[in-house]
Each structure stands twice: as C-alpha cells, then as structure tokens.
Amino acid sequence: MKTIQLQIDEKNFETFMTIIKNLKNGMIKNLEIKDNDFEQSKLYFNQCLEDIESNKTKLFTQDSYQKEMNDFMQKLEQKYANN
C-alpha cells in the first residue's frame, strides 16, 4: 500500500473532494484531512501550556482577573466617554 500526502488550496478543496468521493469504492483505504489552522492552534496552545507549567506565564485567580477587567473597562469608559 502507498501513502500520498497533498496540500490543497482552500479554493480548490471542494473540487478535489468531489473527485476523491467519485473514485471507485475501495480504492482509498483511509482519508485523513488536516487543517493547517488546527495545527497552528495546537502549536500555540501547547506553547501556552508549557509556559504555564514552567511559570513563564502569570495566571490570575478569578477575583484578580475580574478586578483587572473591571479596571480596564473603567479606563476605556473614561477615555471614550465623550466620543
């Protein structure tokens, strides 16, 4: 059995999938679709998790987060109150 890996432009993806779906039954044993956005997100969140576990990133408690957000909102309201 052979394995083929392809990269398909988003604009051609539906056409390509139509061609694949119309092939003779049994020709393709396994069809796996990977989305680059998913892979990029996975890398980003894995890095975030590593930063959290190594204490490179500061985590807020729920109370401190809420205070930060309230302060931020107040500053925005003050800054743009007259607009």
PDB file of N, CA and C in Angstrom:
ATOM      1  N   MET A   1       0.841  -1.170   0.000  1.00  0.00           N
ATOM      2  CA  MET A   1       0.000   0.000   0.000  1.00  0.00           C
ATOM      3  C   MET A   1       0.893   1.243   0.000  1.00  0.00           C
ATOM      4  N   LYS A   2       0.498   2.269  -0.712  1.00  0.00           N
ATOM      5  CA  LYS A   2       1.224   3.535  -0.813  1.00  0.00           C
ATOM      6  C   LYS A   2       0.460   4.624  -0.066  1.00  0.00           C
ATOM      7  N   THR A   3       1.200   5.610   0.419  1.00  0.00           N
ATOM      8  CA  THR A   3       0.609   6.761   1.096  1.00  0.00           C
ATOM      9  C   THR A   3       0.980   8.012   0.320  1.00  0.00           C
ATOM     10  N   ILE A   4      -0.004   8.879   0.104  1.00  0.00           N
ATOM     11  CA  ILE A   4       0.213  10.146  -0.593  1.00  0.00           C
ATOM     12  C   ILE A   4      -0.218  11.273   0.335  1.00  0.00           C
ATOM     13  N   GLN A   5       0.618  12.296   0.425  1.00  0.00           N
ATOM     14  CA  GLN A   5       0.273  13.476   1.214  1.00  0.00           C
ATOM     15  C   GLN A   5       0.197  14.666   0.268  1.00  0.00           C
ATOM     16  N   LEU A   6      -0.918  15.388   0.298  1.00  0.00           N
ATOM     17  CA  LEU A   6      -1.131  16.520  -0.598  1.00  0.00           C
ATOM     18  C   LEU A   6      -1.460  17.773   0.200  1.00  0.00           C
ATOM     19  N   GLN A   7      -1.122  18.917  -0.367  1.00  0.00           N
ATOM     20  CA  GLN A   7      -1.586  20.192   0.170  1.00  0.00           C
ATOM     21  C   GLN A   7      -2.465  20.821  -0.899  1.00  0.00           C
ATOM     22  N   ILE A   8      -3.713  21.109  -0.538  1.00  0.00           N
ATOM     23  CA  ILE A   8      -4.690  21.632  -1.488  1.00  0.00           C
ATOM     24  C   ILE A   8      -5.079  23.045  -1.067  1.00  0.00           C
ATOM     25  N   ASP A   9      -5.047  23.993  -2.024  1.00  0.00           N
ATOM     26  CA  ASP A   9      -5.514  25.347  -1.730  1.00  0.00           C
ATOM     27  C   ASP A   9      -6.978  25.308  -1.316  1.00  0.00           C
ATOM     28  N   GLU A  10      -7.317  26.192  -0.411  1.00  0.00           N
ATOM     29  CA  GLU A  10      -8.690  26.255   0.105  1.00  0.00           C
ATOM     30  C   GLU A  10      -9.705  26.411  -1.030  1.00  0.00           C
ATOM     31  N   LYS A  11      -9.361  27.215  -2.034  1.00  0.00           N
ATOM     32  CA  LYS A  11     -10.295  27.472  -3.136  1.00  0.00           C
ATOM     33  C   LYS A  11     -10.540  26.228  -3.995  1.00  0.00           C
ATOM     34  N   ASN A  12      -9.629  25.265  -3.977  1.00  0.00           N
ATOM     35  CA  ASN A  12      -9.773  24.045  -4.780  1.00  0.00           C
ATOM     36  C   ASN A  12     -10.206  22.834  -3.965  1.00  0.00           C
ATOM     37  N   PHE A  13     -10.376  23.013  -2.673  1.00  0.00           N
ATOM     38  CA  PHE A  13     -10.622  21.874  -1.789  1.00  0.00           C
ATOM     39  C   PHE A  13     -11.916  21.133  -2.129  1.00  0.00           C
ATOM     40  N   GLU A  14     -13.004  21.859  -2.327  1.00  0.00           N
ATOM     41  CA  GLU A  14     -14.287  21.199  -2.609  1.00  0.00           C
ATOM     42  C   GLU A  14     -14.234  20.412  -3.919  1.00  0.00           C
ATOM     43  N   THR A  15     -13.604  20.971  -4.940  1.00  0.00           N
ATOM     44  CA  THR A  15     -13.462  20.268  -6.221  1.00  0.00           C
ATOM     45  C   THR A  15     -12.642  19.001  -6.043  1.00  0.00           C
ATOM     46  N   PHE A  16     -11.553  19.115  -5.316  1.00  0.00           N
ATOM     47  CA  PHE A  16     -10.709  17.953  -5.058  1.00  0.00           C
ATOM     48  C   PHE A  16     -11.486  16.870  -4.319  1.00  0.00           C
ATOM     49  N   MET A  17     -12.241  17.265  -3.293  1.00  0.00           N
ATOM     50  CA  MET A  17     -13.010  16.285  -2.519  1.00  0.00           C
ATOM     51  C   MET A  17     -14.078  15.620  -3.375  1.00  0.00           C
ATOM     52  N   THR A  18     -14.670  16.351  -4.301  1.00  0.00           N
ATOM     53  CA  THR A  18     -15.655  15.761  -5.215  1.00  0.00           C
ATOM     54  C   THR A  18     -15.000  14.678  -6.062  1.00  0.00           C
ATOM     55  N   ILE A  19     -13.812  14.953  -6.558  1.00  0.00           N
ATOM     56  CA  ILE A  19     -13.077  13.961  -7.355  1.00  0.00           C
ATOM     57  C   ILE A  19     -12.781  12.725  -6.512  1.00  0.00           C
ATOM     58  N   ILE A  20     -12.294  12.920  -5.306  1.00  0.00           N
ATOM     59  CA  ILE A  20     -11.952  11.800  -4.420  1.00  0.00           C
ATOM     60  C   ILE A  20     -13.185  10.966  -4.102  1.00  0.00           C
ATOM     61  N   LYS A  21     -14.294  11.629  -3.824  1.00  0.00           N
ATOM     62  CA  LYS A  21     -15.525  10.907  -3.467  1.00  0.00           C
ATOM     63  C   LYS A  21     -16.080  10.099  -4.630  1.00  0.00           C
ATOM     64  N   ASN A  22     -15.739  10.483  -5.870  1.00  0.00           N
ATOM     65  CA  ASN A  22     -16.245   9.780  -7.043  1.00  0.00           C
ATOM     66  C   ASN A  22     -15.340   8.647  -7.519  1.00  0.00           C
ATOM     67  N   LEU A  23     -14.257   8.386  -6.808  1.00  0.00           N
ATOM     68  CA  LEU A  23     -13.396   7.263  -7.168  1.00  0.00           C
ATOM     69  C   LEU A  23     -14.087   5.942  -6.841  1.00  0.00           C
ATOM     70  N   LYS A  24     -13.631   4.893  -7.480  1.00  0.00           N
ATOM     71  CA  LYS A  24     -14.181   3.557  -7.272  1.00  0.00           C
ATOM     72  C   LYS A  24     -14.083   3.173  -5.796  1.00  0.00           C
ATOM     73  N   ASN A  25     -15.165   2.597  -5.267  1.00  0.00           N
ATOM     74  CA  ASN A  25     -15.171   2.150  -3.872  1.00  0.00           C
ATOM     75  C   ASN A  25     -14.013   1.195  -3.615  1.00  0.00           C
ATOM     76  N   GLY A  26     -13.341   1.398  -2.492  1.00  0.00           N
ATOM     77  CA  GLY A  26     -12.245   0.530  -2.103  1.00  0.00           C
ATOM     78  C   GLY A  26     -10.875   0.998  -2.568  1.00  0.00           C
ATOM     79  N   MET A  27     -10.831   1.996  -3.454  1.00  0.00           N
ATOM     80  CA  MET A  27      -9.527   2.486  -3.929  1.00  0.00           C
ATOM     81  C   MET A  27      -8.760   3.189  -2.815  1.00  0.00           C
ATOM     82  N   ILE A  28      -9.483   3.890  -1.966  1.00  0.00           N
ATOM     83  CA  ILE A  28      -8.850   4.620  -0.868  1.00  0.00           C
ATOM     84  C   ILE A  28      -9.214   3.924   0.430  1.00  0.00           C
ATOM     85  N   LYS A  29      -8.204   3.509   1.165  1.00  0.00           N
ATOM     86  CA  LYS A  29      -8.430   2.797   2.424  1.00  0.00           C
ATOM     87  C   LYS A  29      -8.637   3.757   3.593  1.00  0.00           C
ATOM     88  N   ASN A  30      -7.962   4.892   3.559  1.00  0.00           N
ATOM     89  CA  ASN A  30      -8.044   5.832   4.670  1.00  0.00           C
ATOM     90  C   ASN A  30      -7.906   7.244   4.114  1.00  0.00           C
ATOM     91  N   LEU A  31      -8.849   8.114   4.443  1.00  0.00           N
ATOM     92  CA  LEU A  31      -8.785   9.514   4.037  1.00  0.00           C
ATOM     93  C   LEU A  31      -8.719  10.360   5.298  1.00  0.00           C
ATOM     94  N   GLU A  32      -7.633  11.100   5.446  1.00  0.00           N
ATOM     95  CA  GLU A  32      -7.440  11.942   6.627  1.00  0.00           C
ATOM     96  C   GLU A  32      -7.219  13.372   6.161  1.00  0.00           C
ATOM     97  N   ILE A  33      -8.008  14.295   6.706  1.00  0.00           N
ATOM     98  CA  ILE A  33      -7.908  15.703   6.335  1.00  0.00           C
ATOM     99  C   ILE A  33      -7.393  16.479   7.538  1.00  0.00           C
ATOM    100  N   LYS A  34      -6.273  17.177   7.330  1.00  0.00           N
ATOM    101  CA  LYS A  34      -5.704  18.008   8.396  1.00  0.00           C
ATOM    102  C   LYS A  34      -5.852  19.464   7.991  1.00  0.00           C
ATOM    103  N   ASP A  35      -6.288  20.257   8.924  1.00  0.00           N
ATOM    104  CA  ASP A  35      -6.463  21.684   8.697  1.00  0.00           C
ATOM    105  C   ASP A  35      -5.265  22.411   9.298  1.00  0.00           C
ATOM    106  N   ASN A  36      -4.563  23.203   8.493  1.00  0.00           N
ATOM    107  CA  ASN A  36      -3.392  23.925   8.994  1.00  0.00           C
ATOM    108  C   ASN A  36      -3.742  24.845  10.146  1.00  0.00           C
ATOM    109  N   ASP A  37      -4.942  25.431  10.124  1.00  0.00           N
ATOM    110  CA  ASP A  37      -5.358  26.289  11.229  1.00  0.00           C
ATOM    111  C   ASP A  37      -5.368  25.499  12.524  1.00  0.00           C
ATOM    112  N   PHE A  38      -5.847  24.258  12.453  1.00  0.00           N
ATOM    113  CA  PHE A  38      -5.861  23.409  13.641  1.00  0.00           C
ATOM    114  C   PHE A  38      -4.439  23.147  14.122  1.00  0.00           C
ATOM    115  N   GLU A  39      -3.558  22.824  13.203  1.00  0.00           N
ATOM    116  CA  GLU A  39      -2.173  22.524  13.570  1.00  0.00           C
ATOM    117  C   GLU A  39      -1.494  23.748  14.184  1.00  0.00           C
ATOM    118  N   GLN A  40      -1.740  24.919  13.615  1.00  0.00           N
ATOM    119  CA  GLN A  40      -1.154  26.141  14.165  1.00  0.00           C
ATOM    120  C   GLN A  40      -1.716  26.436  15.549  1.00  0.00           C
ATOM    121  N   SER A  41      -3.017  26.242  15.716  1.00  0.00           N
ATOM    122  CA  SER A  41      -3.639  26.455  17.028  1.00  0.00           C
ATOM    123  C   SER A  41      -3.087  25.473  18.048  1.00  0.00           C
ATOM    124  N   LYS A  42      -2.903  24.244  17.624  1.00  0.00           N
ATOM    125  CA  LYS A  42      -2.363  23.220  18.515  1.00  0.00           C
ATOM    126  C   LYS A  42      -0.966  23.611  19.002  1.00  0.00           C
ATOM    127  N   LEU A  43      -0.117  24.069  18.089  1.00  0.00           N
ATOM    128  CA  LEU A  43       1.228  24.505  18.468  1.00  0.00           C
ATOM    129  C   LEU A  43       1.167  25.678  19.443  1.00  0.00           C
ATOM    130  N   TYR A  44       0.287  26.633  19.163  1.00  0.00           N
ATOM    131  CA  TYR A  44       0.153  27.811  20.023  1.00  0.00           C
ATOM    132  C   TYR A  44      -0.268  27.407  21.433  1.00  0.00           C
ATOM    133  N   PHE A  45      -1.299  26.571  21.535  1.00  0.00           N
ATOM    134  CA  PHE A  45      -1.797  26.197  22.852  1.00  0.00           C
ATOM    135  C   PHE A  45      -0.836  25.268  23.594  1.00  0.00           C
ATOM    136  N   ASN A  46      -0.102  24.453  22.873  1.00  0.00           N
ATOM    137  CA  ASN A  46       0.935  23.645  23.527  1.00  0.00           C
ATOM    138  C   ASN A  46       2.014  24.538  24.120  1.00  0.00           C
ATOM    139  N   GLN A  47       2.386  25.596  23.386  1.00  0.00           N
ATOM    140  CA  GLN A  47       3.375  26.539  23.907  1.00  0.00           C
ATOM    141  C   GLN A  47       2.827  27.270  25.129  1.00  0.00           C
ATOM    142  N   CYS A  48       1.559  27.661  25.086  1.00  0.00           N
ATOM    143  CA  CYS A  48       0.928  28.314  26.243  1.00  0.00           C
ATOM    144  C   CYS A  48       0.954  27.393  27.456  1.00  0.00           C
ATOM    145  N   LEU A  49       0.631  26.137  27.243  1.00  0.00           N
ATOM    146  CA  LEU A  49       0.632  25.172  28.338  1.00  0.00           C
ATOM    147  C   LEU A  49       2.034  25.006  28.920  1.00  0.00           C
ATOM    148  N   GLU A  50       3.030  24.925  28.054  1.00  0.00           N
ATOM    149  CA  GLU A  50       4.418  24.824  28.529  1.00  0.00           C
ATOM    150  C   GLU A  50       4.804  26.056  29.343  1.00  0.00           C
ATOM    151  N   ASP A  51       4.396  27.236  28.874  1.00  0.00           N
ATOM    152  CA  ASP A  51       4.697  28.476  29.596  1.00  0.00           C
ATOM    153  C   ASP A  51       4.028  28.498  30.967  1.00  0.00           C
ATOM    154  N   ILE A  52       2.822  27.994  31.046  1.00  0.00           N
ATOM    155  CA  ILE A  52       2.108  27.930  32.329  1.00  0.00           C
ATOM    156  C   ILE A  52       2.814  26.962  33.269  1.00  0.00           C
ATOM    157  N   GLU A  53       3.147  25.787  32.755  1.00  0.00           N
ATOM    158  CA  GLU A  53       3.774  24.765  33.597  1.00  0.00           C
ATOM    159  C   GLU A  53       5.174  25.166  34.063  1.00  0.00           C
ATOM    160  N   SER A  54       5.866  25.992  33.284  1.00  0.00           N
ATOM    161  CA  SER A  54       7.215  26.422  33.665  1.00  0.00           C
ATOM    162  C   SER A  54       7.206  27.784  34.372  1.00  0.00           C
ATOM    163  N   ASN A  55       6.021  28.273  34.686  1.00  0.00           N
ATOM    164  CA  ASN A  55       5.835  29.560  35.381  1.00  0.00           C
ATOM    165  C   ASN A  55       6.354  30.762  34.594  1.00  0.00           C
ATOM    166  N   LYS A  56       6.426  30.654  33.281  1.00  0.00           N
ATOM    167  CA  LYS A  56       6.788  31.799  32.447  1.00  0.00           C
ATOM    168  C   LYS A  56       5.591  32.731  32.260  1.00  0.00           C
ATOM    169  N   THR A  57       4.399  32.191  32.449  1.00  0.00           N
ATOM    170  CA  THR A  57       3.171  32.956  32.291  1.00  0.00           C
ATOM    171  C   THR A  57       2.470  33.059  33.629  1.00  0.00           C
ATOM    172  N   LYS A  58       2.027  34.272  33.943  1.00  0.00           N
ATOM    173  CA  LYS A  58       1.327  34.501  35.201  1.00  0.00           C
ATOM    174  C   LYS A  58      -0.159  34.208  34.997  1.00  0.00           C
ATOM    175  N   LEU A  59      -0.721  33.395  35.871  1.00  0.00           N
ATOM    176  CA  LEU A  59      -2.150  33.113  35.830  1.00  0.00           C
ATOM    177  C   LEU A  59      -2.851  33.917  36.909  1.00  0.00           C
ATOM    178  N   PHE A  60      -4.014  34.433  36.578  1.00  0.00           N
ATOM    179  CA  PHE A  60      -4.811  35.192  37.530  1.00  0.00           C
ATOM    180  C   PHE A  60      -5.802  34.284  38.237  1.00  0.00           C
ATOM    181  N   THR A  61      -6.099  34.621  39.484  1.00  0.00           N
ATOM    182  CA  THR A  61      -7.247  33.988  40.134  1.00  0.00           C
ATOM    183  C   THR A  61      -8.490  34.610  39.517  1.00  0.00           C
ATOM    184  N   GLN A  62      -9.626  34.006  39.746  1.00  0.00           N
ATOM    185  CA  GLN A  62     -10.865  34.556  39.195  1.00  0.00           C
ATOM    186  C   GLN A  62     -11.097  35.983  39.696  1.00  0.00           C
ATOM    187  N   ASP A  63     -10.846  36.214  40.981  1.00  0.00           N
ATOM    188  CA  ASP A  63     -11.051  37.547  41.560  1.00  0.00           C
ATOM    189  C   ASP A  63     -10.098  38.580  40.964  1.00  0.00           C
ATOM    190  N   SER A  64      -8.821  38.230  40.846  1.00  0.00           N
ATOM    191  CA  SER A  64      -7.867  39.198  40.301  1.00  0.00           C
ATOM    192  C   SER A  64      -8.130  39.457  38.818  1.00  0.00           C
ATOM    193  N   TYR A  65      -8.562  38.432  38.099  1.00  0.00           N
ATOM    194  CA  TYR A  65      -8.932  38.621  36.695  1.00  0.00           C
ATOM    195  C   TYR A  65     -10.107  39.586  36.588  1.00  0.00           C
ATOM    196  N   GLN A  66     -11.116  39.369  37.412  1.00  0.00           N
ATOM    197  CA  GLN A  66     -12.301  40.227  37.373  1.00  0.00           C
ATOM    198  C   GLN A  66     -11.933  41.672  37.703  1.00  0.00           C
ATOM    199  N   LYS A  67     -11.053  41.862  38.681  1.00  0.00           N
ATOM    200  CA  LYS A  67     -10.606  43.208  39.043  1.00  0.00           C
ATOM    201  C   LYS A  67      -9.863  43.852  37.875  1.00  0.00           C
ATOM    202  N   GLU A  68      -8.962  43.121  37.245  1.00  0.00           N
ATOM    203  CA  GLU A  68      -8.229  43.644  36.086  1.00  0.00           C
ATOM    204  C   GLU A  68      -9.189  44.065  34.972  1.00  0.00           C
ATOM    205  N   MET A  69     -10.170  43.230  34.700  1.00  0.00           N
ATOM    206  CA  MET A  69     -11.129  43.538  33.636  1.00  0.00           C
ATOM    207  C   MET A  69     -11.989  44.742  33.996  1.00  0.00           C
ATOM    208  N   ASN A  70     -12.414  44.832  35.238  1.00  0.00           N
ATOM    209  CA  ASN A  70     -13.213  45.982  35.673  1.00  0.00           C
ATOM    210  C   ASN A  70     -12.409  47.271  35.553  1.00  0.00           C
ATOM    211  N   ASP A  71     -11.154  47.233  35.983  1.00  0.00           N
ATOM    212  CA  ASP A  71     -10.282  48.403  35.861  1.00  0.00           C
ATOM    213  C   ASP A  71     -10.090  48.794  34.395  1.00  0.00           C
ATOM    214  N   PHE A  72      -9.884  47.809  33.562  1.00  0.00           N
ATOM    215  CA  PHE A  72      -9.708  48.049  32.132  1.00  0.00           C
ATOM    216  C   PHE A  72     -10.954  48.702  31.530  1.00  0.00           C
ATOM    217  N   MET A  73     -12.112  48.180  31.868  1.00  0.00           N
ATOM    218  CA  MET A  73     -13.368  48.728  31.351  1.00  0.00           C
ATOM    219  C   MET A  73     -13.582  50.160  31.828  1.00  0.00           C
ATOM    220  N   GLN A  74     -13.266  50.437  33.083  1.00  0.00           N
ATOM    221  CA  GLN A  74     -13.394  51.798  33.605  1.00  0.00           C
ATOM    222  C   GLN A  74     -12.487  52.763  32.845  1.00  0.00           C
ATOM    223  N   LYS A  75     -11.269  52.343  32.578  1.00  0.00           N
ATOM    224  CA  LYS A  75     -10.337  53.191  31.830  1.00  0.00           C
ATOM    225  C   LYS A  75     -10.854  53.461  30.416  1.00  0.00           C
ATOM    226  N   LEU A  76     -11.413  52.438  29.793  1.00  0.00           N
ATOM    227  CA  LEU A  76     -11.985  52.635  28.459  1.00  0.00           C
ATOM    228  C   LEU A  76     -13.154  53.609  28.495  1.00  0.00           C
ATOM    229  N   GLU A  77     -14.025  53.433  29.474  1.00  0.00           N
ATOM    230  CA  GLU A  77     -15.182  54.322  29.598  1.00  0.00           C
ATOM    231  C   GLU A  77     -14.740  55.759  29.829  1.00  0.00           C
ATOM    232  N   GLN A  78     -13.725  55.957  30.664  1.00  0.00           N
ATOM    233  CA  GLN A  78     -13.224  57.306  30.925  1.00  0.00           C
ATOM    234  C   GLN A  78     -12.587  57.908  29.672  1.00  0.00           C
ATOM    235  N   LYS A  79     -11.840  57.099  28.974  1.00  0.00           N
ATOM    236  CA  LYS A  79     -11.133  57.583  27.790  1.00  0.00           C
ATOM    237  C   LYS A  79     -12.091  57.965  26.668  1.00  0.00           C
ATOM    238  N   TYR A  80     -13.153  57.173  26.496  1.00  0.00           N
ATOM    239  CA  TYR A  80     -14.053  57.382  25.365  1.00  0.00           C
ATOM    240  C   TYR A  80     -15.429  57.892  25.779  1.00  0.00           C
ATOM    241  N   ALA A  81     -15.551  58.427  26.971  1.00  0.00           N
ATOM    242  CA  ALA A  81     -16.851  58.872  27.487  1.00  0.00           C
ATOM    243  C   ALA A  81     -17.460  59.977  26.639  1.00  0.00           C
ATOM    244  N   ASN A  82     -16.660  60.843  26.084  1.00  0.00           N
ATOM    245  CA  ASN A  82     -17.182  61.988  25.336  1.00  0.00           C
ATOM    246  C   ASN A  82     -17.239  61.755  23.832  1.00  0.00           C
ATOM    247  N   ASN A  83     -16.963  60.567  23.379  1.00  0.00           N
ATOM    248  CA  ASN A  83     -16.967  60.283  21.931  1.00  0.00           C
ATOM    249  C   ASN A  83     -18.265  59.730  21.471  1.00  0.00           C
TER     250      ASN A  83
END
